[in-house]
Amino acid sequence: MVAWASRSGLTLVNGSSSSKILTSFWWYLTMPTVLRIKGYRFFFFSLEGHEPPHVHVESAERVAKLWLRPVALAKSRGFRRNELTEIRWLVEENVVLIEERWHEHFGH
């Protein structure tokens, strides 16, 4: 059986939808975790290597995206201002590690 991947998950060639497990597995593979600290998960979307280096952050149902050089908030949903300040500080403190992981993952 042949399948292809997209942001909506894994689709089987015969047109049927994949199971939730396969969809979750696809997202796991395409979202490598760079760092976990203070309840935040810092990660990349594997399909975004064409964009300038950045990192995504999640905690519960809250998400944010930050550019790395210079460190700046691109967008967020659900985080409070004080949480975004803390996240920005964490990115600034770990920007070298995050950039190294970016270049290892995307190969540029």
PDB file of N, CA and C in Angstrom:
ATOM      1  N   MET A   1       0.845  -1.173   0.000  1.00  0.00           N
ATOM      2  CA  MET A   1       0.000   0.000   0.000  1.00  0.00           C
ATOM      3  C   MET A   1       0.893   1.240   0.000  1.00  0.00           C
ATOM      4  N   VAL A   2       0.545   2.244  -0.763  1.00  0.00           N
ATOM      5  CA  VAL A   2       1.305   3.477  -0.877  1.00  0.00           C
ATOM      6  C   VAL A   2       0.533   4.589  -0.194  1.00  0.00           C
ATOM      7  N   ALA A   3       1.254   5.500   0.461  1.00  0.00           N
ATOM      8  CA  ALA A   3       0.606   6.629   1.132  1.00  0.00           C
ATOM      9  C   ALA A   3       1.422   7.883   0.885  1.00  0.00           C
ATOM     10  N   TRP A   4       0.792   9.024   1.035  1.00  0.00           N
ATOM     11  CA  TRP A   4       1.533  10.269   0.966  1.00  0.00           C
ATOM     12  C   TRP A   4       1.163  11.119   2.166  1.00  0.00           C
ATOM     13  N   ALA A   5       2.085  12.003   2.528  1.00  0.00           N
ATOM     14  CA  ALA A   5       1.902  12.811   3.724  1.00  0.00           C
ATOM     15  C   ALA A   5       1.576  14.244   3.355  1.00  0.00           C
ATOM     16  N   SER A   6       0.775  14.860   4.186  1.00  0.00           N
ATOM     17  CA  SER A   6       0.464  16.283   4.064  1.00  0.00           C
ATOM     18  C   SER A   6       0.238  16.814   5.459  1.00  0.00           C
ATOM     19  N   ARG A   7       0.005  18.115   5.578  1.00  0.00           N
ATOM     20  CA  ARG A   7      -0.226  18.696   6.894  1.00  0.00           C
ATOM     21  C   ARG A   7      -1.477  18.136   7.552  1.00  0.00           C
ATOM     22  N   SER A   8      -2.412  17.639   6.757  1.00  0.00           N
ATOM     23  CA  SER A   8      -3.631  17.079   7.345  1.00  0.00           C
ATOM     24  C   SER A   8      -3.436  15.637   7.782  1.00  0.00           C
ATOM     25  N   GLY A   9      -2.269  15.082   7.556  1.00  0.00           N
ATOM     26  CA  GLY A   9      -1.991  13.731   8.011  1.00  0.00           C
ATOM     27  C   GLY A   9      -1.541  12.839   6.881  1.00  0.00           C
ATOM     28  N   LEU A  10      -1.750  11.575   7.039  1.00  0.00           N
ATOM     29  CA  LEU A  10      -1.335  10.583   6.076  1.00  0.00           C
ATOM     30  C   LEU A  10      -2.561  10.097   5.327  1.00  0.00           C
ATOM     31  N   THR A  11      -2.490  10.080   4.002  1.00  0.00           N
ATOM     32  CA  THR A  11      -3.620   9.635   3.195  1.00  0.00           C
ATOM     33  C   THR A  11      -3.214   8.392   2.420  1.00  0.00           C
ATOM     34  N   LEU A  12      -4.050   7.387   2.446  1.00  0.00           N
ATOM     35  CA  LEU A  12      -3.778   6.166   1.711  1.00  0.00           C
ATOM     36  C   LEU A  12      -4.173   6.351   0.253  1.00  0.00           C
ATOM     37  N   VAL A  13      -3.458   5.698  -0.643  1.00  0.00           N
ATOM     38  CA  VAL A  13      -3.701   5.859  -2.073  1.00  0.00           C
ATOM     39  C   VAL A  13      -5.119   5.493  -2.461  1.00  0.00           C
ATOM     40  N   ASN A  14      -5.700   4.525  -1.793  1.00  0.00           N
ATOM     41  CA  ASN A  14      -7.056   4.119  -2.153  1.00  0.00           C
ATOM     42  C   ASN A  14      -8.107   5.148  -1.724  1.00  0.00           C
ATOM     43  N   GLY A  15      -7.663   6.260  -1.107  1.00  0.00           N
ATOM     44  CA  GLY A  15      -8.565   7.351  -0.757  1.00  0.00           C
ATOM     45  C   GLY A  15      -9.108   7.311   0.649  1.00  0.00           C
ATOM     46  N   SER A  16      -8.903   6.221   1.362  1.00  0.00           N
ATOM     47  CA  SER A  16      -9.410   6.174   2.735  1.00  0.00           C
ATOM     48  C   SER A  16      -8.475   6.959   3.650  1.00  0.00           C
ATOM     49  N   SER A  17      -9.020   7.456   4.719  1.00  0.00           N
ATOM     50  CA  SER A  17      -8.223   8.218   5.677  1.00  0.00           C
ATOM     51  C   SER A  17      -7.426   7.274   6.550  1.00  0.00           C
ATOM     52  N   SER A  18      -6.295   7.747   6.991  1.00  0.00           N
ATOM     53  CA  SER A  18      -5.487   6.947   7.897  1.00  0.00           C
ATOM     54  C   SER A  18      -6.061   7.030   9.300  1.00  0.00           C
ATOM     55  N   SER A  19      -5.566   6.177  10.137  1.00  0.00           N
ATOM     56  CA  SER A  19      -6.015   6.207  11.526  1.00  0.00           C
ATOM     57  C   SER A  19      -5.403   7.402  12.231  1.00  0.00           C
ATOM     58  N   LYS A  20      -5.974   7.751  13.363  1.00  0.00           N
ATOM     59  CA  LYS A  20      -5.458   8.850  14.154  1.00  0.00           C
ATOM     60  C   LYS A  20      -4.024   8.569  14.588  1.00  0.00           C
ATOM     61  N   ILE A  21      -3.700   7.316  14.818  1.00  0.00           N
ATOM     62  CA  ILE A  21      -2.335   6.952  15.219  1.00  0.00           C
ATOM     63  C   ILE A  21      -1.354   7.308  14.114  1.00  0.00           C
ATOM     64  N   LEU A  22      -1.661   6.983  12.872  1.00  0.00           N
ATOM     65  CA  LEU A  22      -0.763   7.312  11.775  1.00  0.00           C
ATOM     66  C   LEU A  22      -0.631   8.814  11.614  1.00  0.00           C
ATOM     67  N   THR A  23      -1.721   9.547  11.760  1.00  0.00           N
ATOM     68  CA  THR A  23      -1.668  10.995  11.666  1.00  0.00           C
ATOM     69  C   THR A  23      -0.784  11.557  12.765  1.00  0.00           C
ATOM     70  N   SER A  24      -0.942  11.074  13.978  1.00  0.00           N
ATOM     71  CA  SER A  24      -0.106  11.527  15.081  1.00  0.00           C
ATOM     72  C   SER A  24       1.355  11.187  14.825  1.00  0.00           C
ATOM     73  N   PHE A  25       1.610  10.004  14.278  1.00  0.00           N
ATOM     74  CA  PHE A  25       2.969   9.588  13.971  1.00  0.00           C
ATOM     75  C   PHE A  25       3.581  10.523  12.930  1.00  0.00           C
ATOM     76  N   TRP A  26       2.818  10.885  11.908  1.00  0.00           N
ATOM     77  CA  TRP A  26       3.314  11.824  10.887  1.00  0.00           C
ATOM     78  C   TRP A  26       3.714  13.142  11.530  1.00  0.00           C
ATOM     79  N   TRP A  27       2.860  13.693  12.391  1.00  0.00           N
ATOM     80  CA  TRP A  27       3.185  14.972  13.039  1.00  0.00           C
ATOM     81  C   TRP A  27       4.397  14.840  13.934  1.00  0.00           C
ATOM     82  N   TYR A  28       4.539  13.698  14.611  1.00  0.00           N
ATOM     83  CA  TYR A  28       5.708  13.486  15.456  1.00  0.00           C
ATOM     84  C   TYR A  28       6.983  13.530  14.621  1.00  0.00           C
ATOM     85  N   LEU A  29       6.956  12.896  13.474  1.00  0.00           N
ATOM     86  CA  LEU A  29       8.143  12.872  12.614  1.00  0.00           C
ATOM     87  C   LEU A  29       8.460  14.244  12.029  1.00  0.00           C
ATOM     88  N   THR A  30       7.467  15.059  11.810  1.00  0.00           N
ATOM     89  CA  THR A  30       7.689  16.339  11.152  1.00  0.00           C
ATOM     90  C   THR A  30       7.841  17.491  12.124  1.00  0.00           C
ATOM     91  N   MET A  31       7.830  17.196  13.419  1.00  0.00           N
ATOM     92  CA  MET A  31       7.951  18.239  14.429  1.00  0.00           C
ATOM     93  C   MET A  31       9.031  17.873  15.445  1.00  0.00           C
ATOM     94  N   PRO A  32      10.303  17.855  15.043  1.00  0.00           N
ATOM     95  CA  PRO A  32      11.346  17.460  15.992  1.00  0.00           C
ATOM     96  C   PRO A  32      11.470  18.452  17.150  1.00  0.00           C
ATOM     97  N   THR A  33      11.539  17.918  18.349  1.00  0.00           N
ATOM     98  CA  THR A  33      11.702  18.735  19.547  1.00  0.00           C
ATOM     99  C   THR A  33      13.160  19.130  19.702  1.00  0.00           C
ATOM    100  N   VAL A  34      13.384  20.411  19.938  1.00  0.00           N
ATOM    101  CA  VAL A  34      14.728  20.951  20.112  1.00  0.00           C
ATOM    102  C   VAL A  34      15.067  21.058  21.593  1.00  0.00           C
ATOM    103  N   LEU A  35      14.076  21.458  22.380  1.00  0.00           N
ATOM    104  CA  LEU A  35      14.321  21.762  23.784  1.00  0.00           C
ATOM    105  C   LEU A  35      13.012  21.669  24.553  1.00  0.00           C
ATOM    106  N   ARG A  36      13.093  21.189  25.766  1.00  0.00           N
ATOM    107  CA  ARG A  36      11.959  21.228  26.705  1.00  0.00           C
ATOM    108  C   ARG A  36      12.479  21.899  27.966  1.00  0.00           C
ATOM    109  N   ILE A  37      11.833  22.991  28.326  1.00  0.00           N
ATOM    110  CA  ILE A  37      12.265  23.722  29.509  1.00  0.00           C
ATOM    111  C   ILE A  37      11.092  24.517  30.079  1.00  0.00           C
ATOM    112  N   LYS A  38      10.969  24.499  31.404  1.00  0.00           N
ATOM    113  CA  LYS A  38       9.930  25.257  32.116  1.00  0.00           C
ATOM    114  C   LYS A  38       8.521  25.010  31.590  1.00  0.00           C
ATOM    115  N   GLY A  39       8.266  23.784  31.162  1.00  0.00           N
ATOM    116  CA  GLY A  39       6.935  23.435  30.681  1.00  0.00           C
ATOM    117  C   GLY A  39       6.659  23.793  29.231  1.00  0.00           C
ATOM    118  N   TYR A  40       7.661  24.308  28.537  1.00  0.00           N
ATOM    119  CA  TYR A  40       7.521  24.665  27.124  1.00  0.00           C
ATOM    120  C   TYR A  40       8.241  23.649  26.258  1.00  0.00           C
ATOM    121  N   ARG A  41       7.663  23.348  25.123  1.00  0.00           N
ATOM    122  CA  ARG A  41       8.304  22.493  24.123  1.00  0.00           C
ATOM    123  C   ARG A  41       8.684  23.372  22.939  1.00  0.00           C
ATOM    124  N   PHE A  42       9.959  23.384  22.578  1.00  0.00           N
ATOM    125  CA  PHE A  42      10.478  24.146  21.449  1.00  0.00           C
ATOM    126  C   PHE A  42      10.730  23.159  20.313  1.00  0.00           C
ATOM    127  N   PHE A  43      10.211  23.440  19.139  1.00  0.00           N
ATOM    128  CA  PHE A  43      10.277  22.470  18.045  1.00  0.00           C
ATOM    129  C   PHE A  43      10.252  23.158  16.692  1.00  0.00           C
ATOM    130  N   PHE A  44      10.512  22.369  15.649  1.00  0.00           N
ATOM    131  CA  PHE A  44      10.443  22.828  14.261  1.00  0.00           C
ATOM    132  C   PHE A  44       9.346  22.060  13.538  1.00  0.00           C
ATOM    133  N   PHE A  45       8.797  22.666  12.487  1.00  0.00           N
ATOM    134  CA  PHE A  45       7.991  21.953  11.511  1.00  0.00           C
ATOM    135  C   PHE A  45       8.943  21.613  10.366  1.00  0.00           C
ATOM    136  N   SER A  46       9.071  20.352  10.037  1.00  0.00           N
ATOM    137  CA  SER A  46      10.035  19.939   9.022  1.00  0.00           C
ATOM    138  C   SER A  46       9.779  20.527   7.645  1.00  0.00           C
ATOM    139  N   LEU A  47       8.560  20.944   7.362  1.00  0.00           N
ATOM    140  CA  LEU A  47       8.242  21.490   6.039  1.00  0.00           C
ATOM    141  C   LEU A  47       8.530  22.977   5.935  1.00  0.00           C
ATOM    142  N   GLU A  48       9.118  23.586   6.963  1.00  0.00           N
ATOM    143  CA  GLU A  48       9.356  25.020   6.962  1.00  0.00           C
ATOM    144  C   GLU A  48      10.819  25.404   6.804  1.00  0.00           C
ATOM    145  N   GLY A  49      11.638  24.530   6.262  1.00  0.00           N
ATOM    146  CA  GLY A  49      13.055  24.809   6.083  1.00  0.00           C
ATOM    147  C   GLY A  49      13.335  25.908   5.085  1.00  0.00           C
ATOM    148  N   HIS A  50      12.355  26.274   4.275  1.00  0.00           N
ATOM    149  CA  HIS A  50      12.532  27.344   3.294  1.00  0.00           C
ATOM    150  C   HIS A  50      12.420  28.733   3.927  1.00  0.00           C
ATOM    151  N   GLU A  51      11.907  28.811   5.142  1.00  0.00           N
ATOM    152  CA  GLU A  51      11.775  30.080   5.856  1.00  0.00           C
ATOM    153  C   GLU A  51      13.071  30.386   6.605  1.00  0.00           C
ATOM    154  N   PRO A  52      13.262  31.648   7.009  1.00  0.00           N
ATOM    155  CA  PRO A  52      14.421  31.963   7.863  1.00  0.00           C
ATOM    156  C   PRO A  52      14.344  31.159   9.164  1.00  0.00           C
ATOM    157  N   PRO A  53      15.487  30.909   9.805  1.00  0.00           N
ATOM    158  CA  PRO A  53      15.482  30.114  11.041  1.00  0.00           C
ATOM    159  C   PRO A  53      14.521  30.675  12.089  1.00  0.00           C
ATOM    160  N   HIS A  54      13.735  29.772  12.644  1.00  0.00           N
ATOM    161  CA  HIS A  54      12.760  30.125  13.669  1.00  0.00           C
ATOM    162  C   HIS A  54      12.435  28.884  14.482  1.00  0.00           C
ATOM    163  N   VAL A  55      11.717  29.080  15.563  1.00  0.00           N
ATOM    164  CA  VAL A  55      11.331  27.968  16.422  1.00  0.00           C
ATOM    165  C   VAL A  55       9.876  28.162  16.844  1.00  0.00           C
ATOM    166  N   HIS A  56       9.181  27.056  16.983  1.00  0.00           N
ATOM    167  CA  HIS A  56       7.816  27.060  17.487  1.00  0.00           C
ATOM    168  C   HIS A  56       7.864  26.639  18.954  1.00  0.00           C
ATOM    169  N   VAL A  57       6.915  27.130  19.728  1.00  0.00           N
ATOM    170  CA  VAL A  57       6.830  26.823  21.151  1.00  0.00           C
ATOM    171  C   VAL A  57       5.394  26.444  21.464  1.00  0.00           C
ATOM    172  N   GLU A  58       5.230  25.419  22.288  1.00  0.00           N
ATOM    173  CA  GLU A  58       3.884  25.060  22.718  1.00  0.00           C
ATOM    174  C   GLU A  58       3.888  24.707  24.189  1.00  0.00           C
ATOM    175  N   SER A  59       2.746  24.955  24.783  1.00  0.00           N
ATOM    176  CA  SER A  59       2.488  24.552  26.154  1.00  0.00           C
ATOM    177  C   SER A  59       0.972  24.425  26.267  1.00  0.00           C
ATOM    178  N   ALA A  60       0.515  23.230  26.551  1.00  0.00           N
ATOM    179  CA  ALA A  60      -0.925  22.935  26.549  1.00  0.00           C
ATOM    180  C   ALA A  60      -1.483  23.290  25.174  1.00  0.00           C
ATOM    181  N   GLU A  61      -2.484  24.120  25.094  1.00  0.00           N
ATOM    182  CA  GLU A  61      -3.096  24.501  23.808  1.00  0.00           C
ATOM    183  C   GLU A  61      -2.553  25.827  23.285  1.00  0.00           C
ATOM    184  N   ARG A  62      -1.518  26.350  23.917  1.00  0.00           N
ATOM    185  CA  ARG A  62      -0.945  27.640  23.511  1.00  0.00           C
ATOM    186  C   ARG A  62       0.243  27.403  22.589  1.00  0.00           C
ATOM    187  N   VAL A  63       0.394  28.278  21.581  1.00  0.00           N
ATOM    188  CA  VAL A  63       1.484  28.139  20.619  1.00  0.00           C
ATOM    189  C   VAL A  63       2.061  29.508  20.272  1.00  0.00           C
ATOM    190  N   ALA A  64       3.327  29.493  19.859  1.00  0.00           N
ATOM    191  CA  ALA A  64       3.989  30.711  19.403  1.00  0.00           C
ATOM    192  C   ALA A  64       5.071  30.336  18.405  1.00  0.00           C
ATOM    193  N   LYS A  65       5.450  31.309  17.592  1.00  0.00           N
ATOM    194  CA  LYS A  65       6.537  31.151  16.629  1.00  0.00           C
ATOM    195  C   LYS A  65       7.456  32.353  16.801  1.00  0.00           C
ATOM    196  N   LEU A  66       8.764  32.077  16.922  1.00  0.00           N
ATOM    197  CA  LEU A  66       9.735  33.154  17.095  1.00  0.00           C
ATOM    198  C   LEU A  66      10.852  33.032  16.066  1.00  0.00           C
ATOM    199  N   TRP A  67      11.197  34.145  15.448  1.00  0.00           N
ATOM    200  CA  TRP A  67      12.360  34.226  14.569  1.00  0.00           C
ATOM    201  C   TRP A  67      13.596  34.201  15.454  1.00  0.00           C
ATOM    202  N   LEU A  68      14.717  33.698  14.919  1.00  0.00           N
ATOM    203  CA  LEU A  68      15.924  33.561  15.727  1.00  0.00           C
ATOM    204  C   LEU A  68      16.900  34.729  15.613  1.00  0.00           C
ATOM    205  N   ARG A  69      17.014  35.365  14.473  1.00  0.00           N
ATOM    206  CA  ARG A  69      17.973  36.466  14.280  1.00  0.00           C
ATOM    207  C   ARG A  69      17.313  37.635  13.602  1.00  0.00           C
ATOM    208  N   PRO A  70      17.009  38.673  14.307  1.00  0.00           N
ATOM    209  CA  PRO A  70      17.051  38.758  15.765  1.00  0.00           C
ATOM    210  C   PRO A  70      15.867  38.016  16.369  1.00  0.00           C
ATOM    211  N   VAL A  71      15.983  37.680  17.642  1.00  0.00           N
ATOM    212  CA  VAL A  71      14.881  36.986  18.311  1.00  0.00           C
ATOM    213  C   VAL A  71      13.684  37.936  18.351  1.00  0.00           C
ATOM    214  N   ALA A  72      12.598  37.491  17.745  1.00  0.00           N
ATOM    215  CA  ALA A  72      11.384  38.310  17.672  1.00  0.00           C
ATOM    216  C   ALA A  72      10.167  37.406  17.540  1.00  0.00           C
ATOM    217  N   LEU A  73       9.087  37.823  18.137  1.00  0.00           N
ATOM    218  CA  LEU A  73       7.840  37.078  18.050  1.00  0.00           C
ATOM    219  C   LEU A  73       7.236  37.230  16.661  1.00  0.00           C
ATOM    220  N   ALA A  74       6.967  36.112  16.002  1.00  0.00           N
ATOM    221  CA  ALA A  74       6.305  36.131  14.695  1.00  0.00           C
ATOM    222  C   ALA A  74       4.793  36.079  14.882  1.00  0.00           C
ATOM    223  N   LYS A  75       4.342  35.172  15.755  1.00  0.00           N
ATOM    224  CA  LYS A  75       2.909  35.069  16.045  1.00  0.00           C
ATOM    225  C   LYS A  75       2.718  34.211  17.283  1.00  0.00           C
ATOM    226  N   SER A  76       1.549  34.359  17.894  1.00  0.00           N
ATOM    227  CA  SER A  76       1.244  33.533  19.059  1.00  0.00           C
ATOM    228  C   SER A  76      -0.265  33.417  19.212  1.00  0.00           C
ATOM    229  N   ARG A  77      -0.660  32.388  19.932  1.00  0.00           N
ATOM    230  CA  ARG A  77      -2.074  32.175  20.248  1.00  0.00           C
ATOM    231  C   ARG A  77      -2.164  31.569  21.641  1.00  0.00           C
ATOM    232  N   GLY A  78      -2.817  32.288  22.540  1.00  0.00           N
ATOM    233  CA  GLY A  78      -3.103  31.755  23.855  1.00  0.00           C
ATOM    234  C   GLY A  78      -2.143  32.118  24.969  1.00  0.00           C
ATOM    235  N   PHE A  79      -0.917  32.521  24.640  1.00  0.00           N
ATOM    236  CA  PHE A  79       0.039  32.877  25.688  1.00  0.00           C
ATOM    237  C   PHE A  79      -0.259  34.280  26.225  1.00  0.00           C
ATOM    238  N   ARG A  80      -0.025  34.457  27.510  1.00  0.00           N
ATOM    239  CA  ARG A  80      -0.113  35.783  28.132  1.00  0.00           C
ATOM    240  C   ARG A  80       1.178  36.550  27.855  1.00  0.00           C
ATOM    241  N   ARG A  81       1.100  37.836  28.016  1.00  0.00           N
ATOM    242  CA  ARG A  81       2.265  38.697  27.754  1.00  0.00           C
ATOM    243  C   ARG A  81       3.476  38.278  28.582  1.00  0.00           C
ATOM    244  N   ASN A  82       3.276  37.972  29.877  1.00  0.00           N
ATOM    245  CA  ASN A  82       4.406  37.575  30.725  1.00  0.00           C
ATOM    246  C   ASN A  82       4.998  36.241  30.275  1.00  0.00           C
ATOM    247  N   GLU A  83       4.173  35.331  29.761  1.00  0.00           N
ATOM    248  CA  GLU A  83       4.685  34.058  29.242  1.00  0.00           C
ATOM    249  C   GLU A  83       5.512  34.301  27.983  1.00  0.00           C
ATOM    250  N   LEU A  84       5.048  35.194  27.111  1.00  0.00           N
ATOM    251  CA  LEU A  84       5.796  35.500  25.890  1.00  0.00           C
ATOM    252  C   LEU A  84       7.137  36.154  26.219  1.00  0.00           C
ATOM    253  N   THR A  85       7.161  36.963  27.262  1.00  0.00           N
ATOM    254  CA  THR A  85       8.431  37.559  27.703  1.00  0.00           C
ATOM    255  C   THR A  85       9.389  36.464  28.159  1.00  0.00           C
ATOM    256  N   GLU A  86       8.874  35.512  28.941  1.00  0.00           N
ATOM    257  CA  GLU A  86       9.708  34.400  29.399  1.00  0.00           C
ATOM    258  C   GLU A  86      10.179  33.542  28.225  1.00  0.00           C
ATOM    259  N   ILE A  87       9.301  33.252  27.286  1.00  0.00           N
ATOM    260  CA  ILE A  87       9.657  32.441  26.118  1.00  0.00           C
ATOM    261  C   ILE A  87      10.744  33.134  25.305  1.00  0.00           C
ATOM    262  N   ARG A  88      10.578  34.430  25.081  1.00  0.00           N
ATOM    263  CA  ARG A  88      11.597  35.176  24.325  1.00  0.00           C
ATOM    264  C   ARG A  88      12.950  35.096  25.037  1.00  0.00           C
ATOM    265  N   TRP A  89      12.934  35.249  26.350  1.00  0.00           N
ATOM    266  CA  TRP A  89      14.173  35.161  27.120  1.00  0.00           C
ATOM    267  C   TRP A  89      14.797  33.765  26.986  1.00  0.00           C
ATOM    268  N   LEU A  90      13.977  32.727  27.034  1.00  0.00           N
ATOM    269  CA  LEU A  90      14.482  31.360  26.894  1.00  0.00           C
ATOM    270  C   LEU A  90      15.088  31.132  25.509  1.00  0.00           C
ATOM    271  N   VAL A  91      14.452  31.689  24.478  1.00  0.00           N
ATOM    272  CA  VAL A  91      15.007  31.571  23.123  1.00  0.00           C
ATOM    273  C   VAL A  91      16.333  32.316  23.043  1.00  0.00           C
ATOM    274  N   GLU A  92      16.387  33.530  23.590  1.00  0.00           N
ATOM    275  CA  GLU A  92      17.642  34.290  23.568  1.00  0.00           C
ATOM    276  C   GLU A  92      18.762  33.547  24.286  1.00  0.00           C
ATOM    277  N   GLU A  93      18.435  32.917  25.413  1.00  0.00           N
ATOM    278  CA  GLU A  93      19.431  32.169  26.183  1.00  0.00           C
ATOM    279  C   GLU A  93      19.890  30.894  25.469  1.00  0.00           C
ATOM    280  N   ASN A  94      19.072  30.363  24.580  1.00  0.00           N
ATOM    281  CA  ASN A  94      19.377  29.091  23.915  1.00  0.00           C
ATOM    282  C   ASN A  94      19.477  29.215  22.402  1.00  0.00           C
ATOM    283  N   VAL A  95      19.631  30.424  21.893  1.00  0.00           N
ATOM    284  CA  VAL A  95      19.590  30.647  20.446  1.00  0.00           C
ATOM    285  C   VAL A  95      20.699  29.889  19.710  1.00  0.00           C
ATOM    286  N   VAL A  96      21.871  29.773  20.300  1.00  0.00           N
ATOM    287  CA  VAL A  96      22.965  29.050  19.639  1.00  0.00           C
ATOM    288  C   VAL A  96      22.594  27.578  19.473  1.00  0.00           C
ATOM    289  N   LEU A  97      22.093  26.955  20.526  1.00  0.00           N
ATOM    290  CA  LEU A  97      21.656  25.559  20.461  1.00  0.00           C
ATOM    291  C   LEU A  97      20.536  25.386  19.439  1.00  0.00           C
ATOM    292  N   ILE A  98      19.554  26.281  19.468  1.00  0.00           N
ATOM    293  CA  ILE A  98      18.413  26.174  18.552  1.00  0.00           C
ATOM    294  C   ILE A  98      18.884  26.316  17.109  1.00  0.00           C
ATOM    295  N   GLU A  99      19.780  27.263  16.850  1.00  0.00           N
ATOM    296  CA  GLU A  99      20.310  27.428  15.488  1.00  0.00           C
ATOM    297  C   GLU A  99      21.111  26.210  15.043  1.00  0.00           C
ATOM    298  N   GLU A 100      21.899  25.644  15.929  1.00  0.00           N
ATOM    299  CA  GLU A 100      22.648  24.430  15.590  1.00  0.00           C
ATOM    300  C   GLU A 100      21.690  23.310  15.195  1.00  0.00           C
ATOM    301  N   ARG A 101      20.644  23.118  15.978  1.00  0.00           N
ATOM    302  CA  ARG A 101      19.654  22.084  15.671  1.00  0.00           C
ATOM    303  C   ARG A 101      18.936  22.387  14.352  1.00  0.00           C
ATOM    304  N   TRP A 102      18.647  23.664  14.086  1.00  0.00           N
ATOM    305  CA  TRP A 102      18.012  24.075  12.826  1.00  0.00           C
ATOM    306  C   TRP A 102      18.882  23.630  11.646  1.00  0.00           C
ATOM    307  N   HIS A 103      20.177  23.964  11.704  1.00  0.00           N
ATOM    308  CA  HIS A 103      21.066  23.636  10.588  1.00  0.00           C
ATOM    309  C   HIS A 103      21.297  22.130  10.468  1.00  0.00           C
ATOM    310  N   GLU A 104      21.335  21.415  11.581  1.00  0.00           N
ATOM    311  CA  GLU A 104      21.437  19.949  11.530  1.00  0.00           C
ATOM    312  C   GLU A 104      20.204  19.359  10.879  1.00  0.00           C
ATOM    313  N   HIS A 105      19.044  19.865  11.236  1.00  0.00           N
ATOM    314  CA  HIS A 105      17.783  19.295  10.726  1.00  0.00           C
ATOM    315  C   HIS A 105      17.540  19.637   9.260  1.00  0.00           C
ATOM    316  N   PHE A 106      17.750  20.906   8.913  1.00  0.00           N
ATOM    317  CA  PHE A 106      17.434  21.343   7.560  1.00  0.00           C
ATOM    318  C   PHE A 106      18.629  21.281   6.611  1.00  0.00           C
ATOM    319  N   GLY A 107      19.825  21.089   7.157  1.00  0.00           N
ATOM    320  CA  GLY A 107      20.993  20.903   6.316  1.00  0.00           C
ATOM    321  C   GLY A 107      21.502  22.160   5.635  1.00  0.00           C
ATOM    322  N   HIS A 108      21.174  23.314   6.190  1.00  0.00           N
ATOM    323  CA  HIS A 108      21.713  24.571   5.639  1.00  0.00           C
ATOM    324  C   HIS A 108      21.852  25.605   6.717  1.00  0.00           C
TER     325      HIS A 108
END
